[in-house]
Amino acid sequence: MGLQLDTRSLRRWSTEEVDPWRALAYWVDTVCDRFLELEIDTPLGDRFRARLEQAELGPATLNLVYAESQRVERTRAKIANSRYPVFFLLQLRAGRIGLRQLGREAHLRAGESVLIDGTEPYELICPEATSSLALRLPEPWLKRWIPYPERCGARVFGGGGWSAALNAALSSLEVDALEQLVLPPGIVAEQIAALLALAAGGPAPAQVRRTLYDELLLTLRDRLHEPDLTPLDVAIQHHVSKRSVHYAFARAGTTFNEQLMRLRLERARGLLRDPRFAGLPVSEIAARCGFADPSHFARRFRSQFAEAPLQARRAAAPSQH
């Protein structure tokens, strides 16, 4: 059983949809300006052919692009018109691509990928027809995995190790196959980001500077299934006093209990909406999220989301096969 993608999120454009003499103008005006936010130049003129398939992958946007020989440029003007800062994880599937950005140069072979900083100008040189995948990644979201993604700009990921795992995962992404994913698209995007962080290397998660509050939230996510979890339990794990735990949450304008309840309810809603758990009783969902009393869970869930747990499950049912 997979998750059915909302077909309204699927978008396709092709120069074959218009007369040959209008193909290049159509591609520039309709696709490059409006959706890709790029400028292009091609030696082929009216003989230029291209197509784009686009779909949402949680917070990311998946683009599959085929295009004949071209030079692609992201200019300061295009960047200024963007709604939000982004990065692009580009995987070349066929052809050759050269990248220039911030004085760096990269040359991609089929099967390799590169991270491009969409907040800075860059140039892509495609001397022959290419087929590629480009994941558009919002910068604030990407920084949850890579503290300084700009340091990885124009870096090629090829060869073995985590780069091989990253490229294998990217190679599996196809617009027409997204509805067959057994995980929600947002989780798939998170897995790609995690593989990118592993391939990029750098400091281990424990070495990345976080506040005590950030560390405490991570612990609550990891231990929310424990029904009797207390501030003292968490304080002991972090080698701090219980008072320090309460103070960390107070400085963030919240409390230990508020955040634990929020995380438990969000996890429960995610499980209720996931078709893989459709056969699991609501009481078991509640238990897996740290609720010893199903009635208490149902009251809290309705108060938070203005619907009962079963209603949340039924609302997700039309999106299942």
C-alpha atoms as a PDB file:
ATOM      1  CA  MET A   1       0.000   0.000   0.000  1.00  0.00           C
ATOM      2  CA  GLY A   2       1.394   3.380  -0.951  1.00  0.00           C
ATOM      3  CA  LEU A   3       0.498   6.993  -0.471  1.00  0.00           C
ATOM      4  CA  GLN A   4      -1.368   8.552  -3.367  1.00  0.00           C
ATOM      5  CA  LEU A   5       0.040  11.910  -4.349  1.00  0.00           C
ATOM      6  CA  ASP A   6      -2.451  14.697  -4.846  1.00  0.00           C
ATOM      7  CA  THR A   7      -2.567  14.881  -8.632  1.00  0.00           C
ATOM      8  CA  ARG A   8      -3.133  18.621  -8.409  1.00  0.00           C
ATOM      9  CA  SER A   9       0.470  18.939  -7.230  1.00  0.00           C
ATOM     10  CA  LEU A  10       1.768  17.320 -10.434  1.00  0.00           C
ATOM     11  CA  ARG A  11       2.808  19.793 -13.116  1.00  0.00           C
ATOM     12  CA  ARG A  12       4.209  19.106 -16.579  1.00  0.00           C
ATOM     13  CA  TRP A  13       5.469  21.357 -19.362  1.00  0.00           C
ATOM     14  CA  SER A  14       6.972  20.411 -22.708  1.00  0.00           C
ATOM     15  CA  THR A  15       8.045  22.284 -25.825  1.00  0.00           C
ATOM     16  CA  GLU A  16       6.224  19.587 -27.795  1.00  0.00           C
ATOM     17  CA  GLU A  17       2.977  21.227 -26.697  1.00  0.00           C
ATOM     18  CA  VAL A  18       3.610  24.244 -28.940  1.00  0.00           C
ATOM     19  CA  ASP A  19       4.671  24.908 -32.533  1.00  0.00           C
ATOM     20  CA  PRO A  20       8.416  24.344 -33.105  1.00  0.00           C
ATOM     21  CA  TRP A  21       9.069  27.980 -33.929  1.00  0.00           C
ATOM     22  CA  ARG A  22       7.559  28.990 -30.558  1.00  0.00           C
ATOM     23  CA  ALA A  23       9.295  26.297 -28.490  1.00  0.00           C
ATOM     24  CA  LEU A  24      12.193  28.338 -27.129  1.00  0.00           C
ATOM     25  CA  ALA A  25      10.051  31.377 -26.320  1.00  0.00           C
ATOM     26  CA  TYR A  26       7.506  29.126 -24.601  1.00  0.00           C
ATOM     27  CA  TRP A  27      10.207  27.479 -22.508  1.00  0.00           C
ATOM     28  CA  VAL A  28      11.780  30.775 -21.486  1.00  0.00           C
ATOM     29  CA  ASP A  29       8.545  32.622 -20.739  1.00  0.00           C
ATOM     30  CA  THR A  30       6.482  29.838 -19.204  1.00  0.00           C
ATOM     31  CA  VAL A  31       9.009  27.628 -17.443  1.00  0.00           C
ATOM     32  CA  CYS A  32      12.317  29.397 -16.832  1.00  0.00           C
ATOM     33  CA  ASP A  33      10.934  32.782 -15.805  1.00  0.00           C
ATOM     34  CA  ARG A  34       7.918  31.631 -13.846  1.00  0.00           C
ATOM     35  CA  PHE A  35       8.915  28.362 -12.212  1.00  0.00           C
ATOM     36  CA  LEU A  36      12.657  27.730 -12.389  1.00  0.00           C
ATOM     37  CA  GLU A  37      13.651  31.397 -11.956  1.00  0.00           C
ATOM     38  CA  LEU A  38      16.501  31.005 -14.436  1.00  0.00           C
ATOM     39  CA  GLU A  39      17.758  32.554 -17.650  1.00  0.00           C
ATOM     40  CA  ILE A  40      18.861  30.332 -20.520  1.00  0.00           C
ATOM     41  CA  ASP A  41      20.734  30.604 -23.787  1.00  0.00           C
ATOM     42  CA  THR A  42      21.011  27.880 -26.403  1.00  0.00           C
ATOM     43  CA  PRO A  43      22.849  27.509 -29.730  1.00  0.00           C
ATOM     44  CA  LEU A  44      19.910  25.534 -31.119  1.00  0.00           C
ATOM     45  CA  GLY A  45      17.493  28.444 -31.478  1.00  0.00           C
ATOM     46  CA  ASP A  46      14.109  27.235 -32.711  1.00  0.00           C
ATOM     47  CA  ARG A  47      15.356  23.633 -32.666  1.00  0.00           C
ATOM     48  CA  PHE A  48      15.590  23.675 -28.852  1.00  0.00           C
ATOM     49  CA  ARG A  49      13.481  21.046 -27.061  1.00  0.00           C
ATOM     50  CA  ALA A  50      12.868  20.562 -23.336  1.00  0.00           C
ATOM     51  CA  ARG A  51      10.367  19.276 -20.793  1.00  0.00           C
ATOM     52  CA  LEU A  52       9.817  19.636 -17.065  1.00  0.00           C
ATOM     53  CA  GLU A  53       7.924  17.445 -14.596  1.00  0.00           C
ATOM     54  CA  GLN A  54       7.372  18.954 -11.162  1.00  0.00           C
ATOM     55  CA  ALA A  55       5.777  17.760  -7.929  1.00  0.00           C
ATOM     56  CA  GLU A  56       5.889  18.599  -4.241  1.00  0.00           C
ATOM     57  CA  LEU A  57       7.873  16.314  -1.972  1.00  0.00           C
ATOM     58  CA  GLY A  58       6.887  17.583   1.456  1.00  0.00           C
ATOM     59  CA  PRO A  59       8.764  20.864   1.999  1.00  0.00           C
ATOM     60  CA  ALA A  60      10.900  20.200  -1.088  1.00  0.00           C
ATOM     61  CA  THR A  61       9.959  20.521  -4.754  1.00  0.00           C
ATOM     62  CA  LEU A  62      10.967  17.747  -7.141  1.00  0.00           C
ATOM     63  CA  ASN A  63      11.923  18.778 -10.693  1.00  0.00           C
ATOM     64  CA  LEU A  64      12.760  16.317 -13.452  1.00  0.00           C
ATOM     65  CA  VAL A  65      14.202  18.157 -16.428  1.00  0.00           C
ATOM     66  CA  TYR A  66      15.192  17.078 -19.917  1.00  0.00           C
ATOM     67  CA  ALA A  67      16.748  19.747 -22.114  1.00  0.00           C
ATOM     68  CA  GLU A  68      18.973  19.967 -25.162  1.00  0.00           C
ATOM     69  CA  SER A  69      22.240  21.911 -25.221  1.00  0.00           C
ATOM     70  CA  GLN A  70      21.961  25.119 -23.191  1.00  0.00           C
ATOM     71  CA  ARG A  71      23.615  27.525 -20.788  1.00  0.00           C
ATOM     72  CA  VAL A  72      21.598  28.228 -17.644  1.00  0.00           C
ATOM     73  CA  GLU A  73      22.181  31.216 -15.375  1.00  0.00           C
ATOM     74  CA  ARG A  74      20.664  32.294 -12.066  1.00  0.00           C
ATOM     75  CA  THR A  75      21.184  36.020 -11.841  1.00  0.00           C
ATOM     76  CA  ARG A  76      20.965  38.553  -9.033  1.00  0.00           C
ATOM     77  CA  ALA A  77      17.690  39.786 -10.533  1.00  0.00           C
ATOM     78  CA  LYS A  78      16.167  36.283 -10.432  1.00  0.00           C
ATOM     79  CA  ILE A  79      17.350  35.805  -6.874  1.00  0.00           C
ATOM     80  CA  ALA A  80      15.812  39.131  -5.834  1.00  0.00           C
ATOM     81  CA  ASN A  81      12.449  38.016  -7.233  1.00  0.00           C
ATOM     82  CA  SER A  82      12.468  34.725  -5.313  1.00  0.00           C
ATOM     83  CA  ARG A  83       9.942  34.379  -2.537  1.00  0.00           C
ATOM     84  CA  TYR A  84      12.329  32.654  -0.151  1.00  0.00           C
ATOM     85  CA  PRO A  85      15.981  31.480  -0.051  1.00  0.00           C
ATOM     86  CA  VAL A  86      16.570  28.013  -1.471  1.00  0.00           C
ATOM     87  CA  PHE A  87      19.239  25.470  -2.299  1.00  0.00           C
ATOM     88  CA  PHE A  88      19.150  22.970  -5.170  1.00  0.00           C
ATOM     89  CA  LEU A  89      20.342  19.390  -4.942  1.00  0.00           C
ATOM     90  CA  LEU A  90      20.998  18.509  -8.587  1.00  0.00           C
ATOM     91  CA  GLN A  91      21.612  14.966  -9.817  1.00  0.00           C
ATOM     92  CA  LEU A  92      22.708  14.426 -13.409  1.00  0.00           C
ATOM     93  CA  ARG A  93      21.132  11.351 -14.964  1.00  0.00           C
ATOM     94  CA  ALA A  94      22.408  11.671 -18.537  1.00  0.00           C
ATOM     95  CA  GLY A  95      24.775  14.007 -20.372  1.00  0.00           C
ATOM     96  CA  ARG A  96      27.393  16.397 -19.010  1.00  0.00           C
ATOM     97  CA  ILE A  97      27.083  19.523 -16.846  1.00  0.00           C
ATOM     98  CA  GLY A  98      29.615  22.108 -15.710  1.00  0.00           C
ATOM     99  CA  LEU A  99      28.819  24.405 -12.763  1.00  0.00           C
ATOM    100  CA  ARG A 100      30.383  27.741 -11.856  1.00  0.00           C
ATOM    101  CA  GLN A 101      29.540  29.490  -8.596  1.00  0.00           C
ATOM    102  CA  LEU A 102      31.463  31.868  -6.311  1.00  0.00           C
ATOM    103  CA  GLY A 103      34.737  31.124  -8.066  1.00  0.00           C
ATOM    104  CA  ARG A 104      34.267  27.363  -7.756  1.00  0.00           C
ATOM    105  CA  GLU A 105      33.887  24.948 -10.656  1.00  0.00           C
ATOM    106  CA  ALA A 106      32.345  21.496 -10.677  1.00  0.00           C
ATOM    107  CA  HIS A 107      31.899  18.949 -13.446  1.00  0.00           C
ATOM    108  CA  LEU A 108      29.181  16.338 -13.124  1.00  0.00           C
ATOM    109  CA  ARG A 109      29.044  12.896 -14.644  1.00  0.00           C
ATOM    110  CA  ALA A 110      25.882  10.829 -14.886  1.00  0.00           C
ATOM    111  CA  GLY A 111      24.879   9.514 -11.471  1.00  0.00           C
ATOM    112  CA  GLU A 112      26.636  12.260  -9.505  1.00  0.00           C
ATOM    113  CA  SER A 113      24.984  15.123  -7.640  1.00  0.00           C
ATOM    114  CA  VAL A 114      25.932  18.606  -6.516  1.00  0.00           C
ATOM    115  CA  LEU A 115      24.518  21.103  -4.016  1.00  0.00           C
ATOM    116  CA  ILE A 116      23.877  24.558  -5.490  1.00  0.00           C
ATOM    117  CA  ASP A 117      23.386  27.681  -3.390  1.00  0.00           C
ATOM    118  CA  GLY A 118      20.273  29.321  -4.826  1.00  0.00           C
ATOM    119  CA  THR A 119      20.948  32.509  -2.851  1.00  0.00           C
ATOM    120  CA  GLU A 120      24.040  33.253  -4.970  1.00  0.00           C
ATOM    121  CA  PRO A 121      24.442  33.576  -8.764  1.00  0.00           C
ATOM    122  CA  TYR A 122      25.572  30.505 -10.654  1.00  0.00           C
ATOM    123  CA  GLU A 123      25.977  29.214 -14.200  1.00  0.00           C
ATOM    124  CA  LEU A 124      25.297  25.740 -15.601  1.00  0.00           C
ATOM    125  CA  ILE A 125      26.894  24.774 -18.908  1.00  0.00           C
ATOM    126  CA  CYS A 126      25.283  21.848 -20.719  1.00  0.00           C
ATOM    127  CA  PRO A 127      27.182  21.139 -23.970  1.00  0.00           C
ATOM    128  CA  GLU A 128      24.816  18.327 -24.907  1.00  0.00           C
ATOM    129  CA  ALA A 129      21.328  17.096 -24.100  1.00  0.00           C
ATOM    130  CA  THR A 130      20.894  16.372 -20.394  1.00  0.00           C
ATOM    131  CA  SER A 131      18.441  14.640 -18.119  1.00  0.00           C
ATOM    132  CA  SER A 132      18.564  15.662 -14.478  1.00  0.00           C
ATOM    133  CA  LEU A 133      16.737  15.767 -11.178  1.00  0.00           C
ATOM    134  CA  ALA A 134      16.735  18.953  -9.115  1.00  0.00           C
ATOM    135  CA  LEU A 135      15.362  19.082  -5.588  1.00  0.00           C
ATOM    136  CA  ARG A 136      14.471  22.593  -4.499  1.00  0.00           C
ATOM    137  CA  LEU A 137      15.189  22.804  -0.750  1.00  0.00           C
ATOM    138  CA  PRO A 138      14.073  25.763   1.399  1.00  0.00           C
ATOM    139  CA  GLU A 139      17.132  27.151   3.176  1.00  0.00           C
ATOM    140  CA  PRO A 140      15.635  27.310   6.721  1.00  0.00           C
ATOM    141  CA  TRP A 141      14.444  23.713   6.397  1.00  0.00           C
ATOM    142  CA  LEU A 142      17.796  22.469   5.036  1.00  0.00           C
ATOM    143  CA  LYS A 143      19.631  24.120   7.940  1.00  0.00           C
ATOM    144  CA  ARG A 144      17.943  21.675  10.294  1.00  0.00           C
ATOM    145  CA  TRP A 145      20.412  19.081   8.929  1.00  0.00           C
ATOM    146  CA  ILE A 146      23.349  21.138   7.660  1.00  0.00           C
ATOM    147  CA  PRO A 147      24.202  24.171   9.845  1.00  0.00           C
ATOM    148  CA  TYR A 148      26.082  25.960   7.046  1.00  0.00           C
ATOM    149  CA  PRO A 149      24.889  24.578   3.671  1.00  0.00           C
ATOM    150  CA  GLU A 150      26.549  27.469   1.834  1.00  0.00           C
ATOM    151  CA  ARG A 151      29.900  25.871   2.660  1.00  0.00           C
ATOM    152  CA  CYS A 152      28.879  22.876   0.545  1.00  0.00           C
ATOM    153  CA  GLY A 153      27.977  24.963  -2.515  1.00  0.00           C
ATOM    154  CA  ALA A 154      29.288  23.536  -5.820  1.00  0.00           C
ATOM    155  CA  ARG A 155      30.449  20.380  -4.028  1.00  0.00           C
ATOM    156  CA  VAL A 156      30.098  17.202  -6.081  1.00  0.00           C
ATOM    157  CA  PHE A 157      28.844  14.047  -4.368  1.00  0.00           C
ATOM    158  CA  GLY A 158      30.128  10.988  -6.201  1.00  0.00           C
ATOM    159  CA  GLY A 159      31.977   7.782  -5.476  1.00  0.00           C
ATOM    160  CA  GLY A 160      31.250   5.540  -2.516  1.00  0.00           C
ATOM    161  CA  GLY A 161      30.242   5.916   1.101  1.00  0.00           C
ATOM    162  CA  TRP A 162      27.337   8.159   2.003  1.00  0.00           C
ATOM    163  CA  SER A 163      27.565   9.903  -1.381  1.00  0.00           C
ATOM    164  CA  ALA A 164      26.691   6.596  -3.037  1.00  0.00           C
ATOM    165  CA  ALA A 165      23.728   6.166  -0.683  1.00  0.00           C
ATOM    166  CA  LEU A 166      22.555   9.711  -1.420  1.00  0.00           C
ATOM    167  CA  ASN A 167      22.774   9.218  -5.180  1.00  0.00           C
ATOM    168  CA  ALA A 168      21.011   5.865  -4.990  1.00  0.00           C
ATOM    169  CA  ALA A 169      18.119   7.498  -3.129  1.00  0.00           C
ATOM    170  CA  LEU A 170      17.941  10.376  -5.622  1.00  0.00           C
ATOM    171  CA  SER A 171      17.978   7.924  -8.540  1.00  0.00           C
ATOM    172  CA  SER A 172      14.847   6.286  -7.132  1.00  0.00           C
ATOM    173  CA  LEU A 173      12.776   9.471  -7.295  1.00  0.00           C
ATOM    174  CA  GLU A 174      10.377   9.712 -10.226  1.00  0.00           C
ATOM    175  CA  VAL A 175       7.350  11.966 -10.448  1.00  0.00           C
ATOM    176  CA  ASP A 176       5.114   9.168 -11.718  1.00  0.00           C
ATOM    177  CA  ALA A 177       6.218   6.860  -8.894  1.00  0.00           C
ATOM    178  CA  LEU A 178       5.766   9.238  -5.957  1.00  0.00           C
ATOM    179  CA  GLU A 179       2.281   7.907  -5.285  1.00  0.00           C
ATOM    180  CA  GLN A 180       3.815   4.468  -4.663  1.00  0.00           C
ATOM    181  CA  LEU A 181       5.943   5.680  -1.758  1.00  0.00           C
ATOM    182  CA  VAL A 182       5.210   3.783   1.451  1.00  0.00           C
ATOM    183  CA  LEU A 183       6.227   6.810   3.529  1.00  0.00           C
ATOM    184  CA  PRO A 184       4.720  10.312   3.500  1.00  0.00           C
ATOM    185  CA  PRO A 185       6.553  12.597   1.022  1.00  0.00           C
ATOM    186  CA  GLY A 186       7.738  14.878   3.830  1.00  0.00           C
ATOM    187  CA  ILE A 187       9.498  11.983   5.547  1.00  0.00           C
ATOM    188  CA  VAL A 188      11.138  10.960   2.260  1.00  0.00           C
ATOM    189  CA  ALA A 189      12.439  14.527   1.892  1.00  0.00           C
ATOM    190  CA  GLU A 190      13.832  14.337   5.424  1.00  0.00           C
ATOM    191  CA  GLN A 191      15.625  11.093   4.595  1.00  0.00           C
ATOM    192  CA  ILE A 192      17.222  12.730   1.554  1.00  0.00           C
ATOM    193  CA  ALA A 193      18.326  15.676   3.704  1.00  0.00           C
ATOM    194  CA  ALA A 194      19.782  13.302   6.295  1.00  0.00           C
ATOM    195  CA  LEU A 195      21.758  11.443   3.608  1.00  0.00           C
ATOM    196  CA  LEU A 196      22.980  14.767   2.246  1.00  0.00           C
ATOM    197  CA  ALA A 197      24.195  15.747   5.714  1.00  0.00           C
ATOM    198  CA  LEU A 198      26.025  12.430   6.076  1.00  0.00           C
ATOM    199  CA  ALA A 199      27.616  12.799   2.635  1.00  0.00           C
ATOM    200  CA  ALA A 200      28.634  16.381   3.407  1.00  0.00           C
ATOM    201  CA  GLY A 201      30.369  15.294   6.603  1.00  0.00           C
ATOM    202  CA  GLY A 202      31.545  17.934   9.046  1.00  0.00           C
ATOM    203  CA  PRO A 203      30.893  17.919  12.781  1.00  0.00           C
ATOM    204  CA  ALA A 204      28.816  15.137  14.246  1.00  0.00           C
ATOM    205  CA  PRO A 205      25.379  16.150  15.556  1.00  0.00           C
ATOM    206  CA  ALA A 206      26.687  16.259  19.131  1.00  0.00           C
ATOM    207  CA  GLN A 207      29.336  18.771  18.079  1.00  0.00           C
ATOM    208  CA  VAL A 208      26.874  21.174  16.465  1.00  0.00           C
ATOM    209  CA  ARG A 209      26.193  23.917  18.937  1.00  0.00           C
ATOM    210  CA  ARG A 210      22.670  23.672  20.338  1.00  0.00           C
ATOM    211  CA  THR A 211      20.983  25.279  23.301  1.00  0.00           C
ATOM    212  CA  LEU A 212      19.857  23.188  26.258  1.00  0.00           C
ATOM    213  CA  TYR A 213      16.281  23.772  25.103  1.00  0.00           C
ATOM    214  CA  ASP A 214      17.087  22.256  21.689  1.00  0.00           C
ATOM    215  CA  GLU A 215      18.661  19.225  23.346  1.00  0.00           C
ATOM    216  CA  LEU A 216      15.691  18.795  25.661  1.00  0.00           C
ATOM    217  CA  LEU A 217      13.249  18.839  22.733  1.00  0.00           C
ATOM    218  CA  LEU A 218      15.238  16.125  20.990  1.00  0.00           C
ATOM    219  CA  THR A 219      15.041  14.026  24.137  1.00  0.00           C
ATOM    220  CA  LEU A 220      11.281  14.543  24.409  1.00  0.00           C
ATOM    221  CA  ARG A 221      10.867  13.370  20.800  1.00  0.00           C
ATOM    222  CA  ASP A 222      12.952  10.273  21.522  1.00  0.00           C
ATOM    223  CA  ARG A 223      11.185   9.398  24.779  1.00  0.00           C
ATOM    224  CA  LEU A 224       7.604  10.625  24.264  1.00  0.00           C
ATOM    225  CA  HIS A 225       6.392   7.007  24.181  1.00  0.00           C
ATOM    226  CA  GLU A 226       7.202   6.730  27.912  1.00  0.00           C
ATOM    227  CA  PRO A 227       3.899   7.462  29.734  1.00  0.00           C
ATOM    228  CA  ASP A 228       5.581   8.424  33.014  1.00  0.00           C
ATOM    229  CA  LEU A 229       8.346  10.641  31.603  1.00  0.00           C
ATOM    230  CA  THR A 230       9.137  13.455  34.048  1.00  0.00           C
ATOM    231  CA  PRO A 231      11.351  16.551  34.070  1.00  0.00           C
ATOM    232  CA  LEU A 232      13.600  14.759  36.570  1.00  0.00           C
ATOM    233  CA  ASP A 233      14.096  11.835  34.160  1.00  0.00           C
ATOM    234  CA  VAL A 234      15.200  14.242  31.444  1.00  0.00           C
ATOM    235  CA  ALA A 235      17.350  16.279  33.823  1.00  0.00           C
ATOM    236  CA  ILE A 236      19.247  13.136  34.874  1.00  0.00           C
ATOM    237  CA  GLN A 237      19.868  12.212  31.233  1.00  0.00           C
ATOM    238  CA  HIS A 238      21.358  15.662  30.540  1.00  0.00           C
ATOM    239  CA  HIS A 239      23.287  15.887  33.819  1.00  0.00           C
ATOM    240  CA  VAL A 240      21.500  19.068  34.885  1.00  0.00           C
ATOM    241  CA  SER A 241      19.098  19.930  37.686  1.00  0.00           C
ATOM    242  CA  LYS A 242      15.334  19.676  37.347  1.00  0.00           C
ATOM    243  CA  ARG A 243      15.220  23.434  37.924  1.00  0.00           C
ATOM    244  CA  SER A 244      17.486  23.942  34.881  1.00  0.00           C
ATOM    245  CA  VAL A 245      15.072  21.937  32.758  1.00  0.00           C
ATOM    246  CA  HIS A 246      12.102  24.059  33.836  1.00  0.00           C
ATOM    247  CA  TYR A 247      14.112  27.256  33.339  1.00  0.00           C
ATOM    248  CA  ALA A 248      15.133  26.268  29.793  1.00  0.00           C
ATOM    249  CA  PHE A 249      11.491  25.805  28.792  1.00  0.00           C
ATOM    250  CA  ALA A 250      10.428  28.998  30.579  1.00  0.00           C
ATOM    251  CA  ARG A 251      13.010  31.023  28.643  1.00  0.00           C
ATOM    252  CA  ALA A 252      11.457  29.669  25.436  1.00  0.00           C
ATOM    253  CA  GLY A 253       8.018  30.818  26.597  1.00  0.00           C
ATOM    254  CA  THR A 254       6.629  27.363  27.234  1.00  0.00           C
ATOM    255  CA  THR A 255       6.718  24.476  29.717  1.00  0.00           C
ATOM    256  CA  PHE A 256       7.964  20.900  29.809  1.00  0.00           C
ATOM    257  CA  ASN A 257       4.428  19.516  29.912  1.00  0.00           C
ATOM    258  CA  GLU A 258       3.185  21.718  27.060  1.00  0.00           C
ATOM    259  CA  GLN A 259       5.936  20.605  24.716  1.00  0.00           C
ATOM    260  CA  LEU A 260       5.676  16.949  25.682  1.00  0.00           C
ATOM    261  CA  MET A 261       1.926  17.001  25.037  1.00  0.00           C
ATOM    262  CA  ARG A 262       2.376  18.820  21.717  1.00  0.00           C
ATOM    263  CA  LEU A 263       4.951  16.313  20.500  1.00  0.00           C
ATOM    264  CA  ARG A 264       2.856  13.336  21.589  1.00  0.00           C
ATOM    265  CA  LEU A 265      -0.249  14.624  19.824  1.00  0.00           C
ATOM    266  CA  GLU A 266       1.640  15.505  16.638  1.00  0.00           C
ATOM    267  CA  ARG A 267       3.192  12.034  16.567  1.00  0.00           C
ATOM    268  CA  ALA A 268      -0.235  10.462  17.091  1.00  0.00           C
ATOM    269  CA  ARG A 269      -1.798  12.486  14.277  1.00  0.00           C
ATOM    270  CA  GLY A 270       1.039  11.448  11.969  1.00  0.00           C
ATOM    271  CA  LEU A 271       0.453   7.775  12.754  1.00  0.00           C
ATOM    272  CA  LEU A 272      -3.303   8.110  12.288  1.00  0.00           C
ATOM    273  CA  ARG A 273      -2.775   9.647   8.850  1.00  0.00           C
ATOM    274  CA  ASP A 274      -0.202   7.064   7.769  1.00  0.00           C
ATOM    275  CA  PRO A 275      -1.865   4.234   5.765  1.00  0.00           C
ATOM    276  CA  ARG A 276       0.725   1.750   7.010  1.00  0.00           C
ATOM    277  CA  PHE A 277      -0.850   2.033  10.476  1.00  0.00           C
ATOM    278  CA  ALA A 278      -4.473   1.941   9.278  1.00  0.00           C
ATOM    279  CA  GLY A 279      -5.054  -1.436  10.927  1.00  0.00           C
ATOM    280  CA  LEU A 280      -3.670  -0.358  14.290  1.00  0.00           C
ATOM    281  CA  PRO A 281      -6.354   0.389  16.916  1.00  0.00           C
ATOM    282  CA  VAL A 282      -6.540   3.974  18.120  1.00  0.00           C
ATOM    283  CA  SER A 283      -5.814   2.741  21.631  1.00  0.00           C
ATOM    284  CA  GLU A 284      -2.515   1.281  20.420  1.00  0.00           C
ATOM    285  CA  ILE A 285      -1.656   4.538  18.641  1.00  0.00           C
ATOM    286  CA  ALA A 286      -2.293   6.326  21.918  1.00  0.00           C
ATOM    287  CA  ALA A 287      -0.087   3.910  23.852  1.00  0.00           C
ATOM    288  CA  ARG A 288       2.764   4.259  21.360  1.00  0.00           C
ATOM    289  CA  CYS A 289       2.631   8.020  21.905  1.00  0.00           C
ATOM    290  CA  GLY A 290       2.776   7.846  25.688  1.00  0.00           C
ATOM    291  CA  PHE A 291      -0.930   7.948  26.584  1.00  0.00           C
ATOM    292  CA  ALA A 292      -1.871   5.310  29.167  1.00  0.00           C
ATOM    293  CA  ASP A 293      -5.578   6.266  29.044  1.00  0.00           C
ATOM    294  CA  PRO A 294      -7.255   6.217  25.567  1.00  0.00           C
ATOM    295  CA  SER A 295     -10.061   8.478  26.811  1.00  0.00           C
ATOM    296  CA  HIS A 296      -7.571  11.092  27.981  1.00  0.00           C
ATOM    297  CA  PHE A 297      -5.833  10.838  24.616  1.00  0.00           C
ATOM    298  CA  ALA A 298      -9.114  11.348  22.727  1.00  0.00           C
ATOM    299  CA  ARG A 299      -9.989  14.450  24.779  1.00  0.00           C
ATOM    300  CA  ARG A 300      -6.565  15.971  24.313  1.00  0.00           C
ATOM    301  CA  PHE A 301      -6.547  15.178  20.592  1.00  0.00           C
ATOM    302  CA  ARG A 302      -9.944  16.783  20.016  1.00  0.00           C
ATOM    303  CA  SER A 303      -8.921  19.865  22.006  1.00  0.00           C
ATOM    304  CA  GLN A 304      -5.708  20.271  19.961  1.00  0.00           C
ATOM    305  CA  PHE A 305      -6.971  19.505  16.451  1.00  0.00           C
ATOM    306  CA  ALA A 306     -10.762  20.116  16.702  1.00  0.00           C
ATOM    307  CA  GLU A 307     -11.496  16.570  15.539  1.00  0.00           C
ATOM    308  CA  ALA A 308     -11.584  13.108  17.065  1.00  0.00           C
ATOM    309  CA  PRO A 309      -8.787  10.606  16.367  1.00  0.00           C
ATOM    310  CA  LEU A 310     -11.076   8.487  14.171  1.00  0.00           C
ATOM    311  CA  GLN A 311     -12.058  11.572  12.186  1.00  0.00           C
ATOM    312  CA  ALA A 312      -8.379  12.293  11.526  1.00  0.00           C
ATOM    313  CA  ARG A 313      -7.930   8.730  10.284  1.00  0.00           C
ATOM    314  CA  ARG A 314     -11.001   8.881   8.041  1.00  0.00           C
ATOM    315  CA  ALA A 315      -9.948  12.256   6.618  1.00  0.00           C
ATOM    316  CA  ALA A 316      -6.689  10.674   5.427  1.00  0.00           C
ATOM    317  CA  ALA A 317      -8.425   7.622   3.949  1.00  0.00           C
ATOM    318  CA  PRO A 318      -9.186   9.182   0.488  1.00  0.00           C
ATOM    319  CA  SER A 319      -5.435   9.654  -0.066  1.00  0.00           C
ATOM    320  CA  GLN A 320      -4.822   5.911   0.249  1.00  0.00           C
ATOM    321  CA  HIS A 321      -4.955   3.249  -2.410  1.00  0.00           C
END
